[in-house]
Amino acid sequence: MNCKTKDYEIDISDIPLLEYTNIFISNLTWINRGIDKDIATFDLVVRDMPEYWNFYLFNGLEKFIDMLLNFKYDEEAIKLMKKMGLIDSKKTESFYRNFKFSGDVWAMKDGAIFFPGEPIVRITAPLVEANLLTAFVTNVFGYPIRILSKTARLKFATEGTTFIAASIVRLPGFEQGVEVARAAYLLEANLGAVPMFFRKFKKNVSVDKIFTNINHAFIKSFGTEREAFRYVLDVLLEKKMLFWVMIDTYEIKKGLDIFIEEIKATPKVDYKRFMITIDSGNVKELAFYVRKTLDKNGLRDIKIQAMSNLDEYIIDDMAKDKTPVDCYVSATALINVVDNPRFEAVYKMAELIHEDGNIEQKAKLTKGKESYPGRKQIFRVYDKNGKIKEDIIGIESEKLGVPMLHKAISRGKRVGKAKTLEEIRENIKKELKTLPTAFKAIKKPVKYKVTVSKKLSKMVEGLRVKHIN
């Protein structure tokens, strides 16, 4: 959003200031010590994953590149930093006033499968530049990765049944609504009927493909439920669109009976234009009841949609029990990624090259929170059927499999053209084809093999000797 005069909005110029003061004090210290020209390599790593998740899908690279290449400190920021003591000399002021990212970025491709402990983004830049990206890097990928991975799990759970994502209610924030719709589009799920989503992700709009929800507020605006259904059948049918009909405003079974009476009394109506929405009670039991009742009345062409706080766990159970649902909708549980509310991403220094050419490998050695030194690569090994078998974290010069990190920015400039949504969508398809069936399970955790190369292990041991033993 871009409303700088409002205290509840964040403008792009605010992002560089979303850091703790210690980051700026470190920079001030390094500049004054004269080591600001040292070249540092930092890795972004996700430490863990929810109990039943078996993979992550990388997402957010294009957004990250666009924001990083526009990362700068405006006059207002300079004045504030001076007042806070974060700029204390002409040299530090000049650095921030002229800041422009000049380093390299290696990252996984959007849609790539990855696992905890693997460096998914590697940044090599002057120490003072790389340091300033700490909060930015650890935050910019969090929601995009979680929402794309969650959407993929929901799609697996539906077992081929129509799945609708991209609700706009109960969002963490308006901006996240775009991420939800984007994830749905990338995974070829159906978008919610929201005009903004169509403007951004579906240019070809046909009214006969658009659903509208006959919701509770609409129904309650009439004297009775019957009057509301009658208005839809007498007036709104002329609009040629499709209709989700909520029958639980007052009592679901009574609502269903009324709707059946009214639609059967309507001549020349195309039943395929209607879907009964179940949004309360025991959704699974009610789905069987609704299907049986519709069929008994000769309304087999009217489909059933299930809502009501569905997530992949509930949908998985329903699908396995062959619940007669034609379309699943996930809203609150999806958009808030309820089983993965935190994203334990860390940004750690892995190498420091001093101006005199001396190279120091860096790592965190604390048990349980270790990080690996050096410029690393993720090497992926596939089995004879083209399925992923093992990932090896190694030194970038090693040749241990298919490299997963690709150069995205070189010396402050984008490498190649920005990937289109269609290109990212194709990469996701390609990646998911390599995912073994067991990893698509919703409630059966599977451990993927991620190992460390001998060269990297030796480097870690050398640092242990230096700093601990």
Protein backbone atom coordinates (compact mmCIF):
# COMPACT_ATOMS: atom_id res chain seq x y z
CA MET A 1 0.00 0.00 0.00
CA ASN A 2 1.14 3.54 -0.61
CA CYS A 3 -0.42 6.06 1.76
CA LYS A 4 2.53 7.78 3.41
CA THR A 5 0.34 10.27 5.25
CA LYS A 6 -1.45 7.51 7.15
CA ASP A 7 0.16 6.08 10.27
CA TYR A 8 -1.40 2.66 9.65
CA GLU A 9 0.12 2.17 6.21
CA ILE A 10 3.63 1.13 5.18
CA ASP A 11 5.20 2.67 2.11
CA ILE A 12 8.12 1.09 0.22
CA SER A 13 10.34 3.81 1.70
CA ASP A 14 9.52 2.55 5.22
CA ILE A 15 10.85 -0.97 4.57
CA PRO A 16 14.58 -0.12 5.00
CA LEU A 17 13.77 1.26 8.47
CA LEU A 18 12.04 -1.95 9.60
CA GLU A 19 15.18 -3.08 11.45
CA TYR A 20 16.43 -3.14 14.99
CA THR A 21 18.85 -0.38 15.89
CA ASN A 22 21.62 -2.93 16.47
CA ILE A 23 21.77 -3.54 12.71
CA PHE A 24 22.51 0.13 12.10
CA ILE A 25 24.95 0.32 15.01
CA SER A 26 26.84 -2.65 13.55
CA ASN A 27 27.02 -0.84 10.23
CA LEU A 28 28.16 2.38 11.87
CA THR A 29 30.88 0.42 13.67
CA TRP A 30 32.06 -1.36 10.52
CA ILE A 31 32.17 1.86 8.52
CA ASN A 32 34.16 3.61 11.25
CA ARG A 33 36.50 0.62 11.53
CA GLY A 34 37.09 0.73 7.78
CA ILE A 35 35.84 -2.82 7.09
CA ASP A 36 32.73 -1.73 5.21
CA LYS A 37 34.29 -2.95 1.96
CA ASP A 38 34.56 -6.53 3.28
CA ILE A 39 32.38 -8.92 1.30
CA ALA A 40 29.95 -11.06 3.30
CA THR A 41 27.84 -14.04 2.35
CA PHE A 42 24.59 -14.62 4.24
CA ASP A 43 22.16 -17.54 3.95
CA LEU A 44 18.41 -17.61 4.49
CA VAL A 45 17.36 -20.91 6.05
CA VAL A 46 14.00 -22.17 7.34
CA ARG A 47 14.64 -24.16 10.49
CA ASP A 48 11.52 -26.28 10.86
CA MET A 49 8.17 -27.36 9.46
CA PRO A 50 4.77 -28.30 11.01
CA GLU A 51 4.43 -31.89 12.18
CA TYR A 52 2.36 -33.14 9.25
CA TRP A 53 3.91 -31.07 6.47
CA ASN A 54 6.32 -33.00 4.26
CA PHE A 55 7.69 -30.21 2.06
CA TYR A 56 7.75 -26.49 1.34
CA LEU A 57 7.35 -24.73 -2.01
CA PHE A 58 9.65 -21.76 -2.49
CA ASN A 59 7.77 -18.57 -3.37
CA GLY A 60 8.25 -14.81 -3.40
CA LEU A 61 11.44 -14.40 -5.43
CA GLU A 62 10.06 -11.93 -7.98
CA LYS A 63 8.62 -9.72 -5.23
CA PHE A 64 11.91 -9.90 -3.34
CA ILE A 65 13.96 -8.88 -6.41
CA ASP A 66 11.69 -5.95 -7.23
CA MET A 67 11.78 -4.66 -3.66
CA LEU A 68 15.53 -5.18 -3.20
CA LEU A 69 16.41 -3.30 -6.38
CA ASN A 70 14.30 -0.37 -5.11
CA PHE A 71 15.70 -0.50 -1.57
CA LYS A 72 16.85 3.01 -0.58
CA TYR A 73 16.89 5.57 2.22
CA ASP A 74 15.03 8.80 1.52
CA GLU A 75 15.66 12.22 3.05
CA GLU A 76 13.16 11.62 5.84
CA ALA A 77 14.95 8.40 6.78
CA ILE A 78 18.36 10.12 6.79
CA LYS A 79 17.10 12.86 9.14
CA LEU A 80 15.54 10.32 11.52
CA MET A 81 18.67 8.17 11.63
CA LYS A 82 20.78 11.23 12.46
CA LYS A 83 18.48 12.06 15.39
CA MET A 84 18.70 8.49 16.64
CA GLY A 85 22.50 8.45 16.52
CA LEU A 86 22.54 5.80 13.77
CA ILE A 87 24.40 8.18 11.44
CA ASP A 88 27.33 9.91 13.12
CA SER A 89 29.62 11.06 10.31
CA LYS A 90 29.67 12.30 6.74
CA LYS A 91 30.91 8.88 5.68
CA THR A 92 27.96 7.00 7.20
CA GLU A 93 25.54 9.61 5.89
CA SER A 94 26.98 9.29 2.40
CA PHE A 95 26.62 5.51 2.55
CA TYR A 96 22.90 5.62 3.34
CA ARG A 97 22.17 8.55 1.06
CA ASN A 98 23.70 6.69 -1.90
CA PHE A 99 22.63 3.19 -0.93
CA LYS A 100 21.94 0.83 -3.78
CA PHE A 101 22.28 -2.92 -3.52
CA SER A 102 25.38 -3.93 -5.47
CA GLY A 103 25.75 -7.60 -4.59
CA ASP A 104 24.76 -11.04 -5.88
CA VAL A 105 21.73 -13.13 -4.99
CA TRP A 106 21.41 -16.87 -5.52
CA ALA A 107 18.02 -18.42 -4.83
CA MET A 108 15.77 -21.33 -5.58
CA LYS A 109 13.29 -20.86 -8.40
CA ASP A 110 9.74 -19.95 -7.43
CA GLY A 111 7.84 -23.21 -7.05
CA ALA A 112 10.90 -25.29 -6.10
CA ILE A 113 10.44 -27.96 -3.44
CA PHE A 114 12.67 -27.51 -0.40
CA PHE A 115 13.12 -28.73 3.15
CA PRO A 116 14.13 -27.31 6.55
CA GLY A 117 17.83 -26.64 7.09
CA GLU A 118 18.55 -25.85 3.44
CA PRO A 119 19.80 -22.40 2.37
CA ILE A 120 17.06 -21.18 0.03
CA VAL A 121 18.55 -17.72 -0.62
CA ARG A 122 22.24 -16.78 -0.61
CA ILE A 123 23.33 -13.15 -0.63
CA THR A 124 26.90 -12.02 -1.27
CA ALA A 125 27.49 -8.28 -0.97
CA PRO A 126 29.54 -5.70 0.93
CA LEU A 127 29.08 -6.48 4.63
CA VAL A 128 27.22 -3.25 5.34
CA GLU A 129 24.76 -3.89 2.50
CA ALA A 130 24.02 -7.53 3.33
CA ASN A 131 23.56 -6.70 7.01
CA LEU A 132 20.83 -4.16 6.28
CA LEU A 133 18.63 -6.85 4.71
CA THR A 134 18.22 -8.96 7.86
CA ALA A 135 14.57 -8.27 8.72
CA PHE A 136 13.60 -7.76 5.10
CA VAL A 137 14.91 -11.13 3.93
CA THR A 138 13.55 -13.10 6.88
CA ASN A 139 10.08 -11.63 6.37
CA VAL A 140 9.50 -11.15 2.65
CA PHE A 141 9.39 -14.89 1.87
CA GLY A 142 7.46 -16.08 4.93
CA TYR A 143 3.83 -15.70 3.91
CA PRO A 144 4.32 -16.46 0.18
CA ILE A 145 6.08 -19.76 1.00
CA ARG A 146 3.54 -20.81 3.62
CA ILE A 147 0.46 -19.94 1.55
CA LEU A 148 1.72 -21.66 -1.61
CA SER A 149 2.69 -24.79 0.35
CA LYS A 150 -0.63 -24.81 2.24
CA THR A 151 -2.58 -24.43 -1.01
CA ALA A 152 -0.72 -27.38 -2.51
CA ARG A 153 -1.61 -29.53 0.50
CA LEU A 154 -5.27 -28.56 0.23
CA LYS A 155 -5.23 -29.46 -3.44
CA PHE A 156 -3.76 -32.87 -2.66
CA ALA A 157 -6.44 -33.41 0.01
CA THR A 158 -9.33 -32.80 -2.41
CA GLU A 159 -8.15 -35.73 -4.58
CA GLY A 160 -9.16 -34.07 -7.83
CA THR A 161 -12.42 -32.50 -6.59
CA THR A 162 -12.87 -28.82 -7.43
CA PHE A 163 -11.12 -26.63 -4.89
CA ILE A 164 -11.68 -22.90 -4.40
CA ALA A 165 -9.15 -20.74 -2.59
CA ALA A 166 -8.66 -17.00 -2.17
CA SER A 167 -11.21 -15.79 0.34
CA ILE A 168 -11.03 -12.12 1.28
CA VAL A 169 -12.52 -12.42 4.77
CA ARG A 170 -10.47 -12.90 7.94
CA LEU A 171 -7.21 -12.07 6.17
CA PRO A 172 -4.14 -11.16 8.25
CA GLY A 173 -4.10 -7.99 6.09
CA PHE A 174 -5.38 -6.81 2.71
CA GLU A 175 -1.98 -7.35 1.07
CA GLN A 176 -2.14 -11.07 1.91
CA GLY A 177 -5.30 -11.39 -0.17
CA VAL A 178 -3.24 -10.96 -3.31
CA GLU A 179 -0.78 -13.65 -2.18
CA VAL A 180 -3.64 -16.10 -1.57
CA ALA A 181 -5.11 -15.46 -5.02
CA ARG A 182 -1.69 -15.69 -6.63
CA ALA A 183 -1.01 -19.05 -4.96
CA ALA A 184 -4.40 -20.35 -6.11
CA TYR A 185 -3.67 -19.24 -9.66
CA LEU A 186 -0.19 -20.79 -9.66
CA LEU A 187 -1.57 -24.13 -8.47
CA GLU A 188 -4.53 -23.97 -10.87
CA ALA A 189 -7.07 -23.91 -8.09
CA ASN A 190 -10.23 -21.87 -8.63
CA LEU A 191 -10.14 -18.25 -7.56
CA GLY A 192 -12.82 -16.83 -5.31
CA ALA A 193 -15.32 -14.61 -7.11
CA VAL A 194 -13.56 -11.35 -6.28
CA PRO A 195 -13.25 -8.69 -9.04
CA MET A 196 -9.74 -7.69 -7.94
CA PHE A 197 -8.52 -11.28 -8.37
CA PHE A 198 -9.84 -11.35 -11.91
CA ARG A 199 -8.19 -8.02 -12.69
CA LYS A 200 -4.82 -9.34 -11.57
CA PHE A 201 -4.90 -13.01 -12.53
CA LYS A 202 -7.69 -13.69 -15.03
CA LYS A 203 -8.04 -11.27 -17.90
CA ASN A 204 -10.72 -13.21 -19.79
CA VAL A 205 -13.96 -12.77 -17.86
CA SER A 206 -17.22 -14.39 -18.94
CA VAL A 207 -20.33 -13.78 -16.84
CA ASP A 208 -21.59 -17.33 -17.38
CA LYS A 209 -18.48 -18.61 -15.56
CA ILE A 210 -18.82 -16.28 -12.57
CA PHE A 211 -20.33 -17.53 -9.31
CA THR A 212 -22.19 -15.28 -6.91
CA ASN A 213 -23.01 -16.29 -3.37
CA ILE A 214 -26.63 -16.06 -2.25
CA ASN A 215 -25.52 -15.38 1.30
CA HIS A 216 -27.13 -14.82 4.65
CA ALA A 217 -27.30 -11.00 4.41
CA PHE A 218 -29.03 -11.28 1.02
CA ILE A 219 -31.55 -13.80 2.35
CA LYS A 220 -32.22 -11.86 5.57
CA SER A 221 -32.97 -8.71 3.56
CA PHE A 222 -36.23 -10.40 2.51
CA GLY A 223 -39.19 -11.15 4.75
CA THR A 224 -38.71 -14.89 4.38
CA GLU A 225 -36.24 -17.37 2.98
CA ARG A 226 -38.78 -18.37 0.35
CA GLU A 227 -39.05 -14.77 -0.92
CA ALA A 228 -35.27 -14.58 -1.27
CA PHE A 229 -35.05 -17.81 -3.27
CA ARG A 230 -38.00 -16.69 -5.40
CA TYR A 231 -36.23 -13.42 -6.24
CA VAL A 232 -33.12 -15.32 -7.36
CA LEU A 233 -35.18 -17.61 -9.59
CA ASP A 234 -37.42 -14.85 -11.00
CA VAL A 235 -34.93 -11.99 -11.37
CA LEU A 236 -31.26 -12.86 -10.88
CA LEU A 237 -31.35 -15.81 -13.28
CA GLU A 238 -31.44 -13.24 -16.08
CA LYS A 239 -27.85 -12.32 -15.23
CA LYS A 240 -26.63 -15.61 -16.74
CA MET A 241 -24.18 -16.25 -13.89
CA LEU A 242 -23.83 -19.25 -11.56
CA PHE A 243 -25.15 -19.35 -8.01
CA TRP A 244 -23.99 -20.70 -4.66
CA VAL A 245 -27.08 -20.94 -2.50
CA MET A 246 -26.70 -20.89 1.27
CA ILE A 247 -29.55 -22.83 2.89
CA ASP A 248 -28.53 -22.53 6.54
CA THR A 249 -29.63 -18.98 7.35
CA TYR A 250 -32.33 -20.29 9.68
CA GLU A 251 -32.37 -24.12 9.63
CA ILE A 252 -30.51 -26.04 6.99
CA LYS A 253 -32.93 -28.90 6.29
CA LYS A 254 -35.92 -26.55 6.18
CA GLY A 255 -33.96 -24.18 3.95
CA LEU A 256 -33.17 -27.03 1.58
CA ASP A 257 -36.83 -28.07 1.40
CA ILE A 258 -37.92 -24.50 0.59
CA PHE A 259 -35.29 -24.11 -2.11
CA ILE A 260 -36.26 -27.45 -3.70
CA GLU A 261 -39.94 -26.48 -3.73
CA GLU A 262 -39.20 -23.15 -5.39
CA ILE A 263 -36.74 -24.35 -8.01
CA LYS A 264 -39.01 -27.25 -9.02
CA ALA A 265 -41.81 -24.73 -9.48
CA THR A 266 -39.64 -22.68 -11.84
CA PRO A 267 -40.03 -23.57 -15.53
CA LYS A 268 -37.08 -24.02 -17.88
CA VAL A 269 -34.37 -23.56 -15.23
CA ASP A 270 -30.91 -24.98 -15.82
CA TYR A 271 -30.10 -26.86 -12.61
CA LYS A 272 -26.41 -26.91 -13.50
CA ARG A 273 -26.23 -23.21 -12.67
CA PHE A 274 -26.80 -23.92 -8.97
CA MET A 275 -24.66 -25.25 -6.16
CA ILE A 276 -25.95 -25.82 -2.62
CA THR A 277 -23.51 -24.45 -0.04
CA ILE A 278 -23.12 -26.20 3.31
CA ASP A 279 -21.49 -23.76 5.71
CA SER A 280 -22.43 -24.97 9.20
CA GLY A 281 -23.09 -28.04 11.30
CA ASN A 282 -21.56 -31.43 10.59
CA VAL A 283 -20.58 -30.74 7.00
CA LYS A 284 -19.87 -34.36 6.10
CA GLU A 285 -23.17 -35.73 7.43
CA LEU A 286 -25.12 -32.88 5.87
CA ALA A 287 -23.47 -33.42 2.50
CA PHE A 288 -24.83 -36.99 2.39
CA TYR A 289 -28.26 -35.73 3.46
CA VAL A 290 -28.35 -32.92 0.89
CA ARG A 291 -27.20 -35.19 -1.93
CA LYS A 292 -29.81 -37.82 -1.09
CA THR A 293 -32.56 -35.19 -0.86
CA LEU A 294 -31.62 -33.49 -4.13
CA ASP A 295 -31.43 -36.82 -5.98
CA LYS A 296 -34.79 -37.93 -4.59
CA ASN A 297 -36.31 -34.79 -6.09
CA GLY A 298 -34.74 -35.29 -9.51
CA LEU A 299 -32.13 -32.55 -8.96
CA ARG A 300 -28.98 -34.57 -9.66
CA ASP A 301 -27.49 -31.71 -11.69
CA ILE A 302 -27.39 -29.40 -8.68
CA LYS A 303 -23.97 -29.71 -7.09
CA ILE A 304 -22.84 -29.43 -3.48
CA GLN A 305 -20.21 -27.11 -2.08
CA ALA A 306 -18.65 -27.55 1.37
CA MET A 307 -17.33 -24.63 3.43
CA SER A 308 -17.20 -23.88 7.19
CA ASN A 309 -13.56 -23.57 8.30
CA LEU A 310 -12.32 -26.48 6.22
CA ASP A 311 -8.64 -27.30 6.13
CA GLU A 312 -6.71 -30.10 4.43
CA TYR A 313 -7.14 -32.40 7.44
CA ILE A 314 -10.96 -32.21 7.38
CA ILE A 315 -11.08 -32.34 3.58
CA ASP A 316 -8.78 -35.37 3.54
CA ASP A 317 -11.15 -37.24 5.89
CA MET A 318 -14.19 -36.26 3.81
CA ALA A 319 -12.57 -37.24 0.52
CA LYS A 320 -11.46 -40.62 1.88
CA ASP A 321 -15.04 -41.28 3.03
CA LYS A 322 -16.29 -40.43 -0.49
CA THR A 323 -18.40 -37.57 0.82
CA PRO A 324 -20.64 -36.33 -2.04
CA VAL A 325 -19.06 -32.90 -2.34
CA ASP A 326 -18.38 -31.39 -5.76
CA CYS A 327 -16.44 -28.36 -4.55
CA TYR A 328 -14.44 -27.62 -1.41
CA VAL A 329 -13.79 -24.08 -0.23
CA SER A 330 -11.04 -23.27 2.24
CA ALA A 331 -10.95 -19.76 3.62
CA THR A 332 -9.95 -18.95 7.20
CA ALA A 333 -7.76 -22.02 7.75
CA LEU A 334 -5.98 -21.46 4.46
CA ILE A 335 -5.38 -17.73 4.46
CA ASN A 336 -4.17 -17.73 8.06
CA VAL A 337 -2.10 -20.93 7.60
CA VAL A 338 -3.45 -22.00 10.97
CA ASP A 339 -1.17 -25.01 11.47
CA ASN A 340 1.94 -23.01 10.57
CA PRO A 341 1.48 -19.57 12.17
CA ARG A 342 5.20 -19.03 12.66
CA PHE A 343 7.94 -19.18 10.07
CA GLU A 344 11.29 -19.89 11.72
CA ALA A 345 13.53 -18.29 9.09
CA VAL A 346 17.06 -17.20 9.98
CA TYR A 347 19.59 -15.10 8.09
CA LYS A 348 23.13 -16.05 9.03
CA MET A 349 26.59 -14.96 7.93
CA ALA A 350 28.51 -17.80 6.28
CA GLU A 351 31.65 -16.14 4.90
CA LEU A 352 33.61 -12.92 5.18
CA ILE A 353 36.23 -11.81 2.64
CA HIS A 354 38.40 -8.99 3.94
CA GLU A 355 39.64 -6.21 1.72
CA ASP A 356 43.13 -7.75 1.78
CA GLY A 357 41.71 -10.97 0.28
CA ASN A 358 41.77 -13.02 3.48
CA ILE A 359 38.75 -15.35 3.63
CA GLU A 360 37.11 -16.33 6.91
CA GLN A 361 34.40 -18.99 7.10
CA LYS A 362 31.61 -18.18 9.54
CA ALA A 363 29.05 -20.38 11.28
CA LYS A 364 26.87 -20.52 14.36
CA LEU A 365 27.92 -23.57 16.38
CA THR A 366 25.38 -23.51 19.22
CA LYS A 367 23.73 -26.93 19.49
CA GLY A 368 20.24 -26.94 17.99
CA LYS A 369 20.78 -23.66 16.16
CA GLU A 370 23.80 -24.47 14.03
CA SER A 371 24.41 -22.80 10.67
CA TYR A 372 26.84 -23.93 7.98
CA PRO A 373 29.83 -21.91 6.72
CA GLY A 374 30.92 -21.03 3.20
CA ARG A 375 29.20 -20.41 -0.11
CA LYS A 376 26.92 -23.39 -0.41
CA GLN A 377 24.74 -25.06 -2.98
CA ILE A 378 21.83 -27.47 -2.62
CA PHE A 379 22.38 -30.54 -4.80
CA ARG A 380 19.30 -32.63 -5.57
CA VAL A 381 19.48 -36.33 -6.39
CA TYR A 382 16.61 -38.07 -8.23
CA ASP A 383 15.75 -41.75 -8.47
CA LYS A 384 15.38 -43.64 -11.77
CA ASN A 385 11.70 -42.59 -11.95
CA GLY A 386 12.53 -38.92 -11.72
CA LYS A 387 11.35 -38.58 -8.11
CA ILE A 388 13.35 -36.65 -5.54
CA LYS A 389 15.54 -38.95 -3.46
CA GLU A 390 18.04 -36.88 -1.48
CA ASP A 391 19.37 -33.34 -1.06
CA ILE A 392 23.00 -32.67 -0.27
CA ILE A 393 24.15 -29.37 1.19
CA GLY A 394 27.65 -28.84 -0.14
CA ILE A 395 30.26 -26.26 -1.14
CA GLU A 396 29.16 -24.49 -4.33
CA SER A 397 32.16 -25.81 -6.32
CA GLU A 398 31.19 -29.43 -5.65
CA LYS A 399 29.27 -31.54 -8.17
CA LEU A 400 26.94 -33.75 -6.16
CA GLY A 401 23.64 -33.52 -8.05
CA VAL A 402 21.35 -31.00 -9.73
CA PRO A 403 22.03 -27.52 -8.29
CA MET A 404 18.91 -25.86 -6.87
CA LEU A 405 20.24 -22.34 -6.25
CA HIS A 406 20.32 -20.12 -9.32
CA LYS A 407 21.77 -16.64 -9.78
CA ALA A 408 18.96 -14.09 -9.63
CA ILE A 409 20.92 -10.84 -9.16
CA SER A 410 24.47 -10.14 -10.30
CA ARG A 411 26.29 -7.01 -9.15
CA GLY A 412 23.03 -5.31 -8.30
CA LYS A 413 21.26 -6.14 -11.57
CA ARG A 414 18.56 -8.70 -12.29
CA VAL A 415 19.75 -11.78 -14.16
CA GLY A 416 17.45 -12.34 -17.14
CA LYS A 417 13.81 -11.29 -17.34
CA ALA A 418 11.29 -11.52 -14.53
CA LYS A 419 9.46 -14.83 -14.59
CA THR A 420 5.83 -14.67 -15.66
CA LEU A 421 3.04 -16.32 -13.68
CA GLU A 422 2.73 -18.91 -16.44
CA GLU A 423 6.45 -19.74 -16.24
CA ILE A 424 6.24 -20.11 -12.45
CA ARG A 425 3.11 -22.23 -12.82
CA GLU A 426 4.92 -24.56 -15.21
CA ASN A 427 7.86 -24.87 -12.82
CA ILE A 428 5.47 -25.81 -9.99
CA LYS A 429 3.92 -28.53 -12.18
CA LYS A 430 7.38 -29.84 -13.01
CA GLU A 431 8.44 -29.81 -9.36
CA LEU A 432 5.33 -31.52 -8.03
CA LYS A 433 5.77 -34.32 -10.57
CA THR A 434 9.06 -35.13 -8.81
CA LEU A 435 7.36 -35.40 -5.41
CA PRO A 436 6.89 -39.05 -4.31
CA THR A 437 3.27 -39.97 -3.52
CA ALA A 438 4.06 -40.47 0.16
CA PHE A 439 4.99 -36.79 0.50
CA LYS A 440 1.50 -35.75 -0.62
CA ALA A 441 -0.11 -37.41 2.39
CA ILE A 442 -1.93 -35.05 4.73
CA LYS A 443 -1.53 -36.84 8.05
CA LYS A 444 1.47 -39.12 7.53
CA PRO A 445 4.81 -37.39 8.16
CA VAL A 446 7.63 -38.51 5.85
CA LYS A 447 11.28 -37.74 6.51
CA TYR A 448 13.23 -36.56 3.48
CA LYS A 449 16.96 -37.21 3.40
CA VAL A 450 19.03 -34.01 3.63
CA THR A 451 22.73 -34.62 4.18
CA VAL A 452 25.89 -32.52 4.38
CA SER A 453 28.84 -33.14 2.07
CA LYS A 454 32.16 -34.35 3.47
CA LYS A 455 33.90 -31.10 2.46
CA LEU A 456 31.33 -28.98 4.26
CA SER A 457 31.41 -31.24 7.33
CA LYS A 458 35.19 -30.87 7.42
CA MET A 459 34.85 -27.09 7.25
CA VAL A 460 32.41 -27.12 10.18
CA GLU A 461 34.74 -29.30 12.21
CA GLY A 462 37.60 -26.89 11.56
CA LEU A 463 35.52 -24.05 13.00
CA ARG A 464 34.67 -26.16 16.06
CA VAL A 465 38.36 -26.71 16.68
CA LYS A 466 39.05 -22.99 16.30
CA HIS A 467 36.21 -21.67 18.47
CA ILE A 468 35.34 -24.46 20.94
CA ASN A 469 37.89 -27.25 21.31
